[in-house]
Amino acid sequence: MTAVLSRLFLLVALIASPAALAQNFPDRNVTIVVTSAAGALTDVMTRAVAQRLSEIWKQSVVVENRSGAGYSIAAQAVMRAEHDGHTLLASETAIWSIQPHLQAKERLNYDTEKDFVPVSGYGTIPMALLVNPSVPVNSLTELIALAKAKPGAVTFGSSGVGTALHVAALELASLADIQITPVHYRGAAPALTDVLSGHVNAVIMGPSVALTSVKAGKLKMLAFGSTQRVPQFPDVPTFAETVPSYEAAVSFGLFAAAGTPAPIVNRINADVQKIVNDPEFQKQYFERFAVQPIVGSPESFAEYLRHESAKWGGVIKAANVKLD
């Protein structure tokens, strides 16, 4: 009897081990909480990945948009859930590389280093300066001149205080020595909507979801935040051609709550990497939106985030950007 019980306990322990859990993951619906509003690139890419994951896992993968408060709303939702991989966070990597440099730790209700683990990147794209056609400028030089002539009059859309869009605009203001007025929204999509309608003058963001409007003449795309001109848009200059050292890109990826078993993190990473490396997926989404994939293990994604954090930390310090 004792031998039988011992074998039973051993079997239970084996079934309950992280490796065994990873093999059976997921055993129920998975929720991915997105830090952006519906329609933003992070949302669009997450929904595309979620659909493929659902097919691989044979489980429903539900995407929930919880934007605002500098990623805090979404972050808190994931932190409150079970730390077993069934609730994940999809976000701009600014949650890791920008936000911690802008606010004192005691003011943030999450700590990316302690509360989350990187799972997998999706992609990255240089940010672009998009301007409503009613604004009387046709170049970054002219926009800077307008801002200097009318300090504070030029408005820039933001996806929230401390987000990539906000800091990209503040970086331009600092390096170009101009005064601008940020206008904050609960995501990039509503910010872009108000630029299109003329309520806000401009926005610096990943341009993927705006390309149709640019081609239709509803937006002017004046500059890219890349080190070199984007091949798909050879006539659009870089910011650095006018404002030396300016560089900005938006990247996005998937995170899990700290404490999620490593085998489950690795399982999710492996499945996401299958998707982003799939030629059909790349053609349908990456080429369409001018996005470059982020490939690699959780460890390589973590290293990418450390590099980005060091870069943006230096930019923020040099620009003396602080959040009150």
C-alpha atoms as a PDB file:
ATOM      1  CA  MET A   1       0.000   0.000   0.000  1.00  0.00           C
ATOM      2  CA  THR A   2       2.833   2.351   0.914  1.00  0.00           C
ATOM      3  CA  ALA A   3       4.546   1.641  -2.405  1.00  0.00           C
ATOM      4  CA  VAL A   4       1.307   2.399  -4.258  1.00  0.00           C
ATOM      5  CA  LEU A   5       0.894   5.691  -2.423  1.00  0.00           C
ATOM      6  CA  SER A   6       4.495   6.622  -3.128  1.00  0.00           C
ATOM      7  CA  ARG A   7       3.989   5.994  -6.826  1.00  0.00           C
ATOM      8  CA  LEU A   8       0.767   8.015  -6.717  1.00  0.00           C
ATOM      9  CA  PHE A   9       2.479  10.977  -5.054  1.00  0.00           C
ATOM     10  CA  LEU A  10       5.295  10.736  -7.567  1.00  0.00           C
ATOM     11  CA  LEU A  11       2.803  10.736 -10.432  1.00  0.00           C
ATOM     12  CA  VAL A  12       0.982  13.757  -9.008  1.00  0.00           C
ATOM     13  CA  ALA A  13       4.288  15.583  -8.564  1.00  0.00           C
ATOM     14  CA  LEU A  14       5.262  14.785 -12.128  1.00  0.00           C
ATOM     15  CA  ILE A  15       1.941  15.974 -13.498  1.00  0.00           C
ATOM     16  CA  ALA A  16       2.162  19.162 -11.449  1.00  0.00           C
ATOM     17  CA  SER A  17       5.773  19.929 -12.446  1.00  0.00           C
ATOM     18  CA  PRO A  18       6.387  23.062 -14.552  1.00  0.00           C
ATOM     19  CA  ALA A  19       7.621  21.007 -17.502  1.00  0.00           C
ATOM     20  CA  ALA A  20       4.463  18.902 -17.494  1.00  0.00           C
ATOM     21  CA  LEU A  21       2.328  22.014 -17.135  1.00  0.00           C
ATOM     22  CA  ALA A  22       4.059  23.538 -20.165  1.00  0.00           C
ATOM     23  CA  GLN A  23       3.289  20.456 -22.231  1.00  0.00           C
ATOM     24  CA  ASN A  24      -0.387  20.790 -21.351  1.00  0.00           C
ATOM     25  CA  PHE A  25      -0.468  24.582 -21.669  1.00  0.00           C
ATOM     26  CA  PRO A  26      -2.941  26.115 -22.182  1.00  0.00           C
ATOM     27  CA  ASP A  27      -5.667  24.078 -20.532  1.00  0.00           C
ATOM     28  CA  ARG A  28      -8.278  26.833 -20.777  1.00  0.00           C
ATOM     29  CA  ASN A  29      -8.904  30.181 -22.496  1.00  0.00           C
ATOM     30  CA  VAL A  30      -5.988  32.642 -22.618  1.00  0.00           C
ATOM     31  CA  THR A  31      -6.466  36.392 -22.203  1.00  0.00           C
ATOM     32  CA  ILE A  32      -4.038  38.921 -23.667  1.00  0.00           C
ATOM     33  CA  VAL A  33      -4.439  42.378 -22.131  1.00  0.00           C
ATOM     34  CA  VAL A  34      -3.302  45.112 -24.524  1.00  0.00           C
ATOM     35  CA  THR A  35      -2.025  48.471 -23.276  1.00  0.00           C
ATOM     36  CA  SER A  36      -3.280  50.305 -26.377  1.00  0.00           C
ATOM     37  CA  ALA A  37      -6.723  51.241 -27.605  1.00  0.00           C
ATOM     38  CA  ALA A  38      -8.355  49.197 -30.358  1.00  0.00           C
ATOM     39  CA  GLY A  39      -6.945  49.977 -33.796  1.00  0.00           C
ATOM     40  CA  ALA A  40      -3.414  50.873 -32.704  1.00  0.00           C
ATOM     41  CA  LEU A  41      -0.563  48.845 -34.179  1.00  0.00           C
ATOM     42  CA  THR A  42       0.067  46.986 -30.920  1.00  0.00           C
ATOM     43  CA  ASP A  43      -3.598  45.976 -30.911  1.00  0.00           C
ATOM     44  CA  VAL A  44      -3.633  45.016 -34.593  1.00  0.00           C
ATOM     45  CA  MET A  45      -0.509  42.858 -34.298  1.00  0.00           C
ATOM     46  CA  THR A  46      -1.649  41.281 -31.031  1.00  0.00           C
ATOM     47  CA  ARG A  47      -4.980  40.274 -32.534  1.00  0.00           C
ATOM     48  CA  ALA A  48      -3.200  38.759 -35.539  1.00  0.00           C
ATOM     49  CA  VAL A  49      -0.845  36.792 -33.290  1.00  0.00           C
ATOM     50  CA  ALA A  50      -3.703  35.810 -30.954  1.00  0.00           C
ATOM     51  CA  GLN A  51      -5.673  34.324 -33.840  1.00  0.00           C
ATOM     52  CA  ARG A  52      -2.717  32.162 -34.852  1.00  0.00           C
ATOM     53  CA  LEU A  53      -2.039  31.153 -31.221  1.00  0.00           C
ATOM     54  CA  SER A  54      -5.664  30.087 -30.872  1.00  0.00           C
ATOM     55  CA  GLU A  55      -5.220  27.795 -33.872  1.00  0.00           C
ATOM     56  CA  ILE A  56      -2.004  26.321 -32.463  1.00  0.00           C
ATOM     57  CA  TRP A  57      -3.317  25.873 -28.922  1.00  0.00           C
ATOM     58  CA  LYS A  58      -6.851  24.779 -29.809  1.00  0.00           C
ATOM     59  CA  GLN A  59      -8.068  27.230 -27.165  1.00  0.00           C
ATOM     60  CA  SER A  60      -9.740  30.634 -27.365  1.00  0.00           C
ATOM     61  CA  VAL A  61      -7.335  33.568 -27.042  1.00  0.00           C
ATOM     62  CA  VAL A  62      -9.236  36.676 -25.977  1.00  0.00           C
ATOM     63  CA  VAL A  63      -7.771  40.160 -26.508  1.00  0.00           C
ATOM     64  CA  GLU A  64      -8.804  42.889 -24.073  1.00  0.00           C
ATOM     65  CA  ASN A  65      -7.917  46.574 -24.547  1.00  0.00           C
ATOM     66  CA  ARG A  66      -7.130  48.389 -21.301  1.00  0.00           C
ATOM     67  CA  SER A  67      -5.307  51.539 -22.300  1.00  0.00           C
ATOM     68  CA  GLY A  68      -4.398  54.618 -20.305  1.00  0.00           C
ATOM     69  CA  ALA A  69      -2.537  55.693 -17.152  1.00  0.00           C
ATOM     70  CA  GLY A  70       0.901  55.056 -18.634  1.00  0.00           C
ATOM     71  CA  TYR A  71       0.232  51.330 -19.110  1.00  0.00           C
ATOM     72  CA  SER A  72      -0.823  50.945 -15.468  1.00  0.00           C
ATOM     73  CA  ILE A  73      -4.399  49.812 -16.086  1.00  0.00           C
ATOM     74  CA  ALA A  74      -3.337  46.880 -18.242  1.00  0.00           C
ATOM     75  CA  ALA A  75      -0.328  46.070 -16.063  1.00  0.00           C
ATOM     76  CA  GLN A  76      -2.432  45.882 -12.914  1.00  0.00           C
ATOM     77  CA  ALA A  77      -4.968  43.595 -14.605  1.00  0.00           C
ATOM     78  CA  VAL A  78      -2.245  41.089 -15.497  1.00  0.00           C
ATOM     79  CA  MET A  79      -0.578  41.329 -12.097  1.00  0.00           C
ATOM     80  CA  ARG A  80      -3.900  40.500 -10.366  1.00  0.00           C
ATOM     81  CA  ALA A  81      -4.478  37.383 -12.485  1.00  0.00           C
ATOM     82  CA  GLU A  82      -2.994  33.938 -11.896  1.00  0.00           C
ATOM     83  CA  HIS A  83       0.712  33.874 -12.771  1.00  0.00           C
ATOM     84  CA  ASP A  84       0.425  30.822 -14.953  1.00  0.00           C
ATOM     85  CA  GLY A  85       0.596  32.206 -18.501  1.00  0.00           C
ATOM     86  CA  HIS A  86      -3.157  32.240 -19.075  1.00  0.00           C
ATOM     87  CA  THR A  87      -3.229  36.050 -18.733  1.00  0.00           C
ATOM     88  CA  LEU A  88      -0.558  37.909 -20.698  1.00  0.00           C
ATOM     89  CA  LEU A  89       0.357  41.528 -21.346  1.00  0.00           C
ATOM     90  CA  ALA A  90       0.860  42.960 -24.845  1.00  0.00           C
ATOM     91  CA  SER A  91       2.485  46.373 -24.885  1.00  0.00           C
ATOM     92  CA  GLU A  92       4.765  48.849 -26.523  1.00  0.00           C
ATOM     93  CA  THR A  93       8.208  48.148 -25.126  1.00  0.00           C
ATOM     94  CA  ALA A  94       8.119  51.682 -23.705  1.00  0.00           C
ATOM     95  CA  ILE A  95       6.527  50.114 -20.626  1.00  0.00           C
ATOM     96  CA  TRP A  96       9.982  48.648 -19.977  1.00  0.00           C
ATOM     97  CA  SER A  97      12.381  51.087 -21.653  1.00  0.00           C
ATOM     98  CA  ILE A  98      10.805  54.516 -21.120  1.00  0.00           C
ATOM     99  CA  GLN A  99       8.261  54.639 -18.331  1.00  0.00           C
ATOM    100  CA  PRO A 100      10.634  53.622 -15.491  1.00  0.00           C
ATOM    101  CA  HIS A 101      12.971  56.503 -16.383  1.00  0.00           C
ATOM    102  CA  LEU A 102      10.224  59.103 -16.228  1.00  0.00           C
ATOM    103  CA  GLN A 103       8.654  58.451 -12.866  1.00  0.00           C
ATOM    104  CA  ALA A 104       9.941  57.667  -9.402  1.00  0.00           C
ATOM    105  CA  LYS A 105       9.405  53.999  -8.523  1.00  0.00           C
ATOM    106  CA  GLU A 106       7.100  54.904  -5.663  1.00  0.00           C
ATOM    107  CA  ARG A 107       4.751  56.630  -8.115  1.00  0.00           C
ATOM    108  CA  LEU A 108       4.385  53.616 -10.405  1.00  0.00           C
ATOM    109  CA  ASN A 109       2.008  50.876  -9.322  1.00  0.00           C
ATOM    110  CA  TYR A 110       4.097  48.290 -11.139  1.00  0.00           C
ATOM    111  CA  ASP A 111       7.797  47.489 -11.474  1.00  0.00           C
ATOM    112  CA  THR A 112       8.610  45.914 -14.818  1.00  0.00           C
ATOM    113  CA  GLU A 113      11.797  44.278 -13.548  1.00  0.00           C
ATOM    114  CA  LYS A 114      10.046  42.666 -10.571  1.00  0.00           C
ATOM    115  CA  ASP A 115       6.461  42.213 -11.765  1.00  0.00           C
ATOM    116  CA  PHE A 116       6.936  40.960 -15.339  1.00  0.00           C
ATOM    117  CA  VAL A 117       9.112  38.736 -17.477  1.00  0.00           C
ATOM    118  CA  PRO A 118       9.707  39.275 -21.215  1.00  0.00           C
ATOM    119  CA  VAL A 119       8.184  36.529 -23.335  1.00  0.00           C
ATOM    120  CA  SER A 120       8.594  37.487 -26.992  1.00  0.00           C
ATOM    121  CA  GLY A 121       8.858  40.513 -29.221  1.00  0.00           C
ATOM    122  CA  TYR A 122       6.592  40.997 -32.238  1.00  0.00           C
ATOM    123  CA  GLY A 123       8.179  43.744 -34.270  1.00  0.00           C
ATOM    124  CA  THR A 124       9.586  47.252 -34.464  1.00  0.00           C
ATOM    125  CA  ILE A 125       9.049  50.231 -36.747  1.00  0.00           C
ATOM    126  CA  PRO A 126      10.616  53.715 -36.867  1.00  0.00           C
ATOM    127  CA  MET A 127       8.226  56.380 -35.676  1.00  0.00           C
ATOM    128  CA  ALA A 128       7.058  59.007 -38.151  1.00  0.00           C
ATOM    129  CA  LEU A 129       5.999  62.637 -37.905  1.00  0.00           C
ATOM    130  CA  LEU A 130       2.415  62.878 -39.159  1.00  0.00           C
ATOM    131  CA  VAL A 131       0.814  66.301 -39.603  1.00  0.00           C
ATOM    132  CA  ASN A 132      -2.680  67.419 -40.509  1.00  0.00           C
ATOM    133  CA  PRO A 133      -2.724  69.009 -44.002  1.00  0.00           C
ATOM    134  CA  SER A 134      -4.235  72.208 -42.581  1.00  0.00           C
ATOM    135  CA  VAL A 135      -0.995  72.950 -40.731  1.00  0.00           C
ATOM    136  CA  PRO A 136       0.973  75.303 -43.029  1.00  0.00           C
ATOM    137  CA  VAL A 137       4.196  73.283 -43.111  1.00  0.00           C
ATOM    138  CA  ASN A 138       5.693  70.801 -45.561  1.00  0.00           C
ATOM    139  CA  SER A 139       8.874  69.830 -43.737  1.00  0.00           C
ATOM    140  CA  LEU A 140      10.235  69.298 -40.260  1.00  0.00           C
ATOM    141  CA  THR A 141      12.253  72.511 -40.637  1.00  0.00           C
ATOM    142  CA  GLU A 142       9.057  74.466 -41.301  1.00  0.00           C
ATOM    143  CA  LEU A 143       7.274  72.825 -38.365  1.00  0.00           C
ATOM    144  CA  ILE A 144      10.121  73.779 -36.035  1.00  0.00           C
ATOM    145  CA  ALA A 145      10.025  77.348 -37.379  1.00  0.00           C
ATOM    146  CA  LEU A 146       6.262  77.512 -36.736  1.00  0.00           C
ATOM    147  CA  ALA A 147       6.717  76.198 -33.193  1.00  0.00           C
ATOM    148  CA  LYS A 148       9.398  78.798 -32.503  1.00  0.00           C
ATOM    149  CA  ALA A 149       7.236  81.587 -33.903  1.00  0.00           C
ATOM    150  CA  LYS A 150       4.267  80.471 -31.780  1.00  0.00           C
ATOM    151  CA  PRO A 151       5.590  78.823 -28.595  1.00  0.00           C
ATOM    152  CA  GLY A 152       3.155  76.223 -27.265  1.00  0.00           C
ATOM    153  CA  ALA A 153       0.710  76.651 -30.130  1.00  0.00           C
ATOM    154  CA  VAL A 154       1.682  73.456 -31.973  1.00  0.00           C
ATOM    155  CA  THR A 155      -0.130  70.457 -30.473  1.00  0.00           C
ATOM    156  CA  PHE A 156       1.082  66.848 -30.526  1.00  0.00           C
ATOM    157  CA  GLY A 157      -1.137  63.831 -29.906  1.00  0.00           C
ATOM    158  CA  SER A 158       0.016  61.337 -27.284  1.00  0.00           C
ATOM    159  CA  SER A 159      -1.132  57.872 -26.250  1.00  0.00           C
ATOM    160  CA  GLY A 160      -0.774  58.850 -22.603  1.00  0.00           C
ATOM    161  CA  VAL A 161       1.687  60.453 -20.225  1.00  0.00           C
ATOM    162  CA  GLY A 162       5.057  58.727 -20.432  1.00  0.00           C
ATOM    163  CA  THR A 163       4.221  56.560 -23.445  1.00  0.00           C
ATOM    164  CA  ALA A 164       6.429  56.276 -26.525  1.00  0.00           C
ATOM    165  CA  LEU A 165       4.400  58.881 -28.432  1.00  0.00           C
ATOM    166  CA  HIS A 166       4.663  61.363 -25.593  1.00  0.00           C
ATOM    167  CA  VAL A 167       8.403  60.957 -25.076  1.00  0.00           C
ATOM    168  CA  ALA A 168       9.097  61.068 -28.820  1.00  0.00           C
ATOM    169  CA  ALA A 169       7.412  64.481 -28.985  1.00  0.00           C
ATOM    170  CA  LEU A 170       9.208  65.699 -25.867  1.00  0.00           C
ATOM    171  CA  GLU A 171      12.529  64.522 -27.288  1.00  0.00           C
ATOM    172  CA  LEU A 172      11.895  66.565 -30.438  1.00  0.00           C
ATOM    173  CA  ALA A 173      10.955  69.610 -28.370  1.00  0.00           C
ATOM    174  CA  SER A 174      14.127  69.314 -26.324  1.00  0.00           C
ATOM    175  CA  LEU A 175      16.549  68.721 -29.186  1.00  0.00           C
ATOM    176  CA  ALA A 176      14.948  71.341 -31.458  1.00  0.00           C
ATOM    177  CA  ASP A 177      14.560  73.840 -28.603  1.00  0.00           C
ATOM    178  CA  ILE A 178      10.850  74.421 -29.178  1.00  0.00           C
ATOM    179  CA  GLN A 179       7.766  74.534 -26.984  1.00  0.00           C
ATOM    180  CA  ILE A 180       4.895  72.215 -27.875  1.00  0.00           C
ATOM    181  CA  THR A 181       1.654  71.184 -26.176  1.00  0.00           C
ATOM    182  CA  PRO A 182       1.086  67.437 -25.734  1.00  0.00           C
ATOM    183  CA  VAL A 183      -2.552  66.294 -25.877  1.00  0.00           C
ATOM    184  CA  HIS A 184      -3.044  62.954 -24.140  1.00  0.00           C
ATOM    185  CA  TYR A 185      -5.408  60.157 -25.177  1.00  0.00           C
ATOM    186  CA  ARG A 186      -6.024  56.588 -24.062  1.00  0.00           C
ATOM    187  CA  GLY A 187      -4.067  55.173 -26.973  1.00  0.00           C
ATOM    188  CA  ALA A 188      -2.436  55.966 -30.306  1.00  0.00           C
ATOM    189  CA  ALA A 189      -5.595  55.323 -32.344  1.00  0.00           C
ATOM    190  CA  PRO A 190      -7.710  58.119 -30.768  1.00  0.00           C
ATOM    191  CA  ALA A 191      -4.709  60.458 -30.944  1.00  0.00           C
ATOM    192  CA  LEU A 192      -4.379  59.764 -34.662  1.00  0.00           C
ATOM    193  CA  THR A 193      -8.130  60.243 -35.132  1.00  0.00           C
ATOM    194  CA  ASP A 194      -7.930  63.760 -33.724  1.00  0.00           C
ATOM    195  CA  VAL A 195      -4.930  64.591 -35.923  1.00  0.00           C
ATOM    196  CA  LEU A 196      -6.943  63.429 -38.929  1.00  0.00           C
ATOM    197  CA  SER A 197      -9.890  65.578 -37.870  1.00  0.00           C
ATOM    198  CA  GLY A 198      -7.691  68.616 -37.299  1.00  0.00           C
ATOM    199  CA  HIS A 199      -8.275  68.902 -33.552  1.00  0.00           C
ATOM    200  CA  VAL A 200      -4.558  68.227 -33.006  1.00  0.00           C
ATOM    201  CA  ASN A 201      -1.745  69.385 -35.290  1.00  0.00           C
ATOM    202  CA  ALA A 202       0.623  66.435 -35.289  1.00  0.00           C
ATOM    203  CA  VAL A 203       1.669  63.097 -33.822  1.00  0.00           C
ATOM    204  CA  ILE A 204       4.891  61.077 -33.779  1.00  0.00           C
ATOM    205  CA  MET A 205       4.005  57.400 -33.935  1.00  0.00           C
ATOM    206  CA  GLY A 206       4.540  54.161 -35.808  1.00  0.00           C
ATOM    207  CA  PRO A 207       2.876  55.052 -39.113  1.00  0.00           C
ATOM    208  CA  SER A 208       1.577  51.628 -40.111  1.00  0.00           C
ATOM    209  CA  VAL A 209      -2.102  52.223 -39.363  1.00  0.00           C
ATOM    210  CA  ALA A 210      -1.879  55.702 -40.936  1.00  0.00           C
ATOM    211  CA  LEU A 211      -0.375  54.751 -44.301  1.00  0.00           C
ATOM    212  CA  THR A 212      -3.749  54.661 -46.047  1.00  0.00           C
ATOM    213  CA  SER A 213      -4.488  58.191 -44.831  1.00  0.00           C
ATOM    214  CA  VAL A 214      -1.038  59.372 -45.944  1.00  0.00           C
ATOM    215  CA  LYS A 215      -1.578  57.960 -49.436  1.00  0.00           C
ATOM    216  CA  ALA A 216      -5.020  59.594 -49.569  1.00  0.00           C
ATOM    217  CA  GLY A 217      -3.545  62.990 -48.716  1.00  0.00           C
ATOM    218  CA  LYS A 218      -5.334  63.171 -45.363  1.00  0.00           C
ATOM    219  CA  LEU A 219      -2.002  63.323 -43.526  1.00  0.00           C
ATOM    220  CA  LYS A 220       1.449  64.662 -44.316  1.00  0.00           C
ATOM    221  CA  MET A 221       4.348  62.379 -43.343  1.00  0.00           C
ATOM    222  CA  LEU A 222       7.330  64.651 -42.829  1.00  0.00           C
ATOM    223  CA  ALA A 223      10.053  62.536 -41.199  1.00  0.00           C
ATOM    224  CA  PHE A 224      11.078  59.105 -39.908  1.00  0.00           C
ATOM    225  CA  GLY A 225      12.870  58.417 -36.636  1.00  0.00           C
ATOM    226  CA  SER A 226      15.247  55.888 -38.225  1.00  0.00           C
ATOM    227  CA  THR A 227      18.988  56.305 -38.711  1.00  0.00           C
ATOM    228  CA  GLN A 228      18.536  55.910 -42.470  1.00  0.00           C
ATOM    229  CA  ARG A 229      15.650  56.603 -44.819  1.00  0.00           C
ATOM    230  CA  VAL A 230      13.014  53.885 -44.942  1.00  0.00           C
ATOM    231  CA  PRO A 231      13.288  51.994 -48.267  1.00  0.00           C
ATOM    232  CA  GLN A 232       9.516  52.032 -48.808  1.00  0.00           C
ATOM    233  CA  PHE A 233       9.526  55.859 -48.465  1.00  0.00           C
ATOM    234  CA  PRO A 234      12.804  57.120 -49.965  1.00  0.00           C
ATOM    235  CA  ASP A 235      11.486  60.687 -50.339  1.00  0.00           C
ATOM    236  CA  VAL A 236      10.714  61.057 -46.621  1.00  0.00           C
ATOM    237  CA  PRO A 237      13.775  62.346 -44.739  1.00  0.00           C
ATOM    238  CA  THR A 238      14.862  61.250 -41.272  1.00  0.00           C
ATOM    239  CA  PHE A 239      14.460  63.511 -38.255  1.00  0.00           C
ATOM    240  CA  ALA A 240      18.248  63.456 -37.858  1.00  0.00           C
ATOM    241  CA  GLU A 241      18.719  65.195 -41.204  1.00  0.00           C
ATOM    242  CA  THR A 242      17.222  68.260 -39.526  1.00  0.00           C
ATOM    243  CA  VAL A 243      17.657  67.523 -35.817  1.00  0.00           C
ATOM    244  CA  PRO A 244      20.960  65.662 -35.309  1.00  0.00           C
ATOM    245  CA  SER A 245      20.876  62.638 -32.953  1.00  0.00           C
ATOM    246  CA  TYR A 246      17.083  62.324 -33.000  1.00  0.00           C
ATOM    247  CA  GLU A 247      16.060  58.675 -33.245  1.00  0.00           C
ATOM    248  CA  ALA A 248      12.784  57.013 -32.268  1.00  0.00           C
ATOM    249  CA  ALA A 249      11.147  53.679 -32.972  1.00  0.00           C
ATOM    250  CA  VAL A 250       8.157  51.898 -31.522  1.00  0.00           C
ATOM    251  CA  SER A 251       8.479  48.225 -30.661  1.00  0.00           C
ATOM    252  CA  PHE A 252       5.973  45.887 -29.110  1.00  0.00           C
ATOM    253  CA  GLY A 253       5.878  42.470 -27.541  1.00  0.00           C
ATOM    254  CA  LEU A 254       4.426  40.044 -25.078  1.00  0.00           C
ATOM    255  CA  PHE A 255       5.049  39.835 -21.316  1.00  0.00           C
ATOM    256  CA  ALA A 256       3.983  37.479 -18.519  1.00  0.00           C
ATOM    257  CA  ALA A 257       3.556  38.115 -14.815  1.00  0.00           C
ATOM    258  CA  ALA A 258       6.636  37.351 -12.736  1.00  0.00           C
ATOM    259  CA  GLY A 259       6.481  33.868 -11.302  1.00  0.00           C
ATOM    260  CA  THR A 260       5.087  32.325 -14.467  1.00  0.00           C
ATOM    261  CA  PRO A 261       6.946  28.998 -14.821  1.00  0.00           C
ATOM    262  CA  ALA A 262       9.874  29.288 -17.228  1.00  0.00           C
ATOM    263  CA  PRO A 263       8.789  26.260 -19.307  1.00  0.00           C
ATOM    264  CA  ILE A 264       5.448  27.975 -19.963  1.00  0.00           C
ATOM    265  CA  VAL A 265       7.228  31.227 -20.913  1.00  0.00           C
ATOM    266  CA  ASN A 266       9.439  29.252 -23.289  1.00  0.00           C
ATOM    267  CA  ARG A 267       6.430  27.447 -24.749  1.00  0.00           C
ATOM    268  CA  ILE A 268       4.639  30.720 -25.482  1.00  0.00           C
ATOM    269  CA  ASN A 269       7.810  32.218 -26.944  1.00  0.00           C
ATOM    270  CA  ALA A 270       8.338  29.233 -29.230  1.00  0.00           C
ATOM    271  CA  ASP A 271       4.785  29.430 -30.555  1.00  0.00           C
ATOM    272  CA  VAL A 272       4.907  33.216 -31.058  1.00  0.00           C
ATOM    273  CA  GLN A 273       8.234  32.859 -32.852  1.00  0.00           C
ATOM    274  CA  LYS A 274       6.711  30.286 -35.209  1.00  0.00           C
ATOM    275  CA  ILE A 275       4.133  32.904 -36.111  1.00  0.00           C
ATOM    276  CA  VAL A 276       6.412  35.933 -36.591  1.00  0.00           C
ATOM    277  CA  ASN A 277       8.870  33.853 -38.620  1.00  0.00           C
ATOM    278  CA  ASP A 278       6.156  32.486 -40.902  1.00  0.00           C
ATOM    279  CA  PRO A 279       6.640  33.971 -44.422  1.00  0.00           C
ATOM    280  CA  GLU A 280       2.890  34.194 -44.985  1.00  0.00           C
ATOM    281  CA  PHE A 281       2.387  36.088 -41.713  1.00  0.00           C
ATOM    282  CA  GLN A 282       5.303  38.405 -42.505  1.00  0.00           C
ATOM    283  CA  LYS A 283       3.878  39.199 -45.929  1.00  0.00           C
ATOM    284  CA  GLN A 284       0.393  39.811 -44.568  1.00  0.00           C
ATOM    285  CA  TYR A 285       1.384  41.988 -41.634  1.00  0.00           C
ATOM    286  CA  PHE A 286       5.047  42.998 -41.488  1.00  0.00           C
ATOM    287  CA  GLU A 287       5.474  43.955 -45.128  1.00  0.00           C
ATOM    288  CA  ARG A 288       2.061  45.571 -45.217  1.00  0.00           C
ATOM    289  CA  PHE A 289       2.800  47.783 -42.212  1.00  0.00           C
ATOM    290  CA  ALA A 290       6.557  48.323 -42.860  1.00  0.00           C
ATOM    291  CA  VAL A 291       7.395  46.474 -39.630  1.00  0.00           C
ATOM    292  CA  GLN A 292      10.585  44.532 -38.921  1.00  0.00           C
ATOM    293  CA  PRO A 293      10.116  41.362 -36.833  1.00  0.00           C
ATOM    294  CA  ILE A 294      11.781  40.905 -33.451  1.00  0.00           C
ATOM    295  CA  VAL A 295      12.965  37.316 -33.326  1.00  0.00           C
ATOM    296  CA  GLY A 296      14.595  35.231 -30.633  1.00  0.00           C
ATOM    297  CA  SER A 297      14.244  33.665 -27.209  1.00  0.00           C
ATOM    298  CA  PRO A 298      12.889  35.282 -24.035  1.00  0.00           C
ATOM    299  CA  GLU A 299      16.506  35.946 -23.048  1.00  0.00           C
ATOM    300  CA  SER A 300      17.295  37.738 -26.299  1.00  0.00           C
ATOM    301  CA  PHE A 301      14.108  39.790 -25.980  1.00  0.00           C
ATOM    302  CA  ALA A 302      15.161  40.722 -22.423  1.00  0.00           C
ATOM    303  CA  GLU A 303      18.571  41.799 -23.743  1.00  0.00           C
ATOM    304  CA  TYR A 304      16.870  43.894 -26.426  1.00  0.00           C
ATOM    305  CA  LEU A 305      14.814  45.589 -23.715  1.00  0.00           C
ATOM    306  CA  ARG A 306      17.910  46.314 -21.626  1.00  0.00           C
ATOM    307  CA  HIS A 307      19.549  47.935 -24.649  1.00  0.00           C
ATOM    308  CA  GLU A 308      16.452  50.004 -25.372  1.00  0.00           C
ATOM    309  CA  SER A 309      16.166  51.027 -21.720  1.00  0.00           C
ATOM    310  CA  ALA A 310      19.773  52.221 -21.656  1.00  0.00           C
ATOM    311  CA  LYS A 311      19.262  54.199 -24.870  1.00  0.00           C
ATOM    312  CA  TRP A 312      15.995  55.857 -23.827  1.00  0.00           C
ATOM    313  CA  GLY A 313      17.263  56.424 -20.307  1.00  0.00           C
ATOM    314  CA  GLY A 314      20.145  58.400 -21.782  1.00  0.00           C
ATOM    315  CA  VAL A 315      17.820  60.346 -24.076  1.00  0.00           C
ATOM    316  CA  ILE A 316      15.457  61.200 -21.244  1.00  0.00           C
ATOM    317  CA  LYS A 317      18.293  62.272 -18.954  1.00  0.00           C
ATOM    318  CA  ALA A 318      19.928  64.400 -21.643  1.00  0.00           C
ATOM    319  CA  ALA A 319      16.596  65.994 -22.502  1.00  0.00           C
ATOM    320  CA  ASN A 320      15.901  66.542 -18.806  1.00  0.00           C
ATOM    321  CA  VAL A 321      12.413  65.148 -19.263  1.00  0.00           C
ATOM    322  CA  LYS A 322      10.509  64.679 -15.999  1.00  0.00           C
ATOM    323  CA  LEU A 323       6.903  63.877 -15.206  1.00  0.00           C
ATOM    324  CA  ASP A 324       5.317  65.997 -12.505  1.00  0.00           C
END
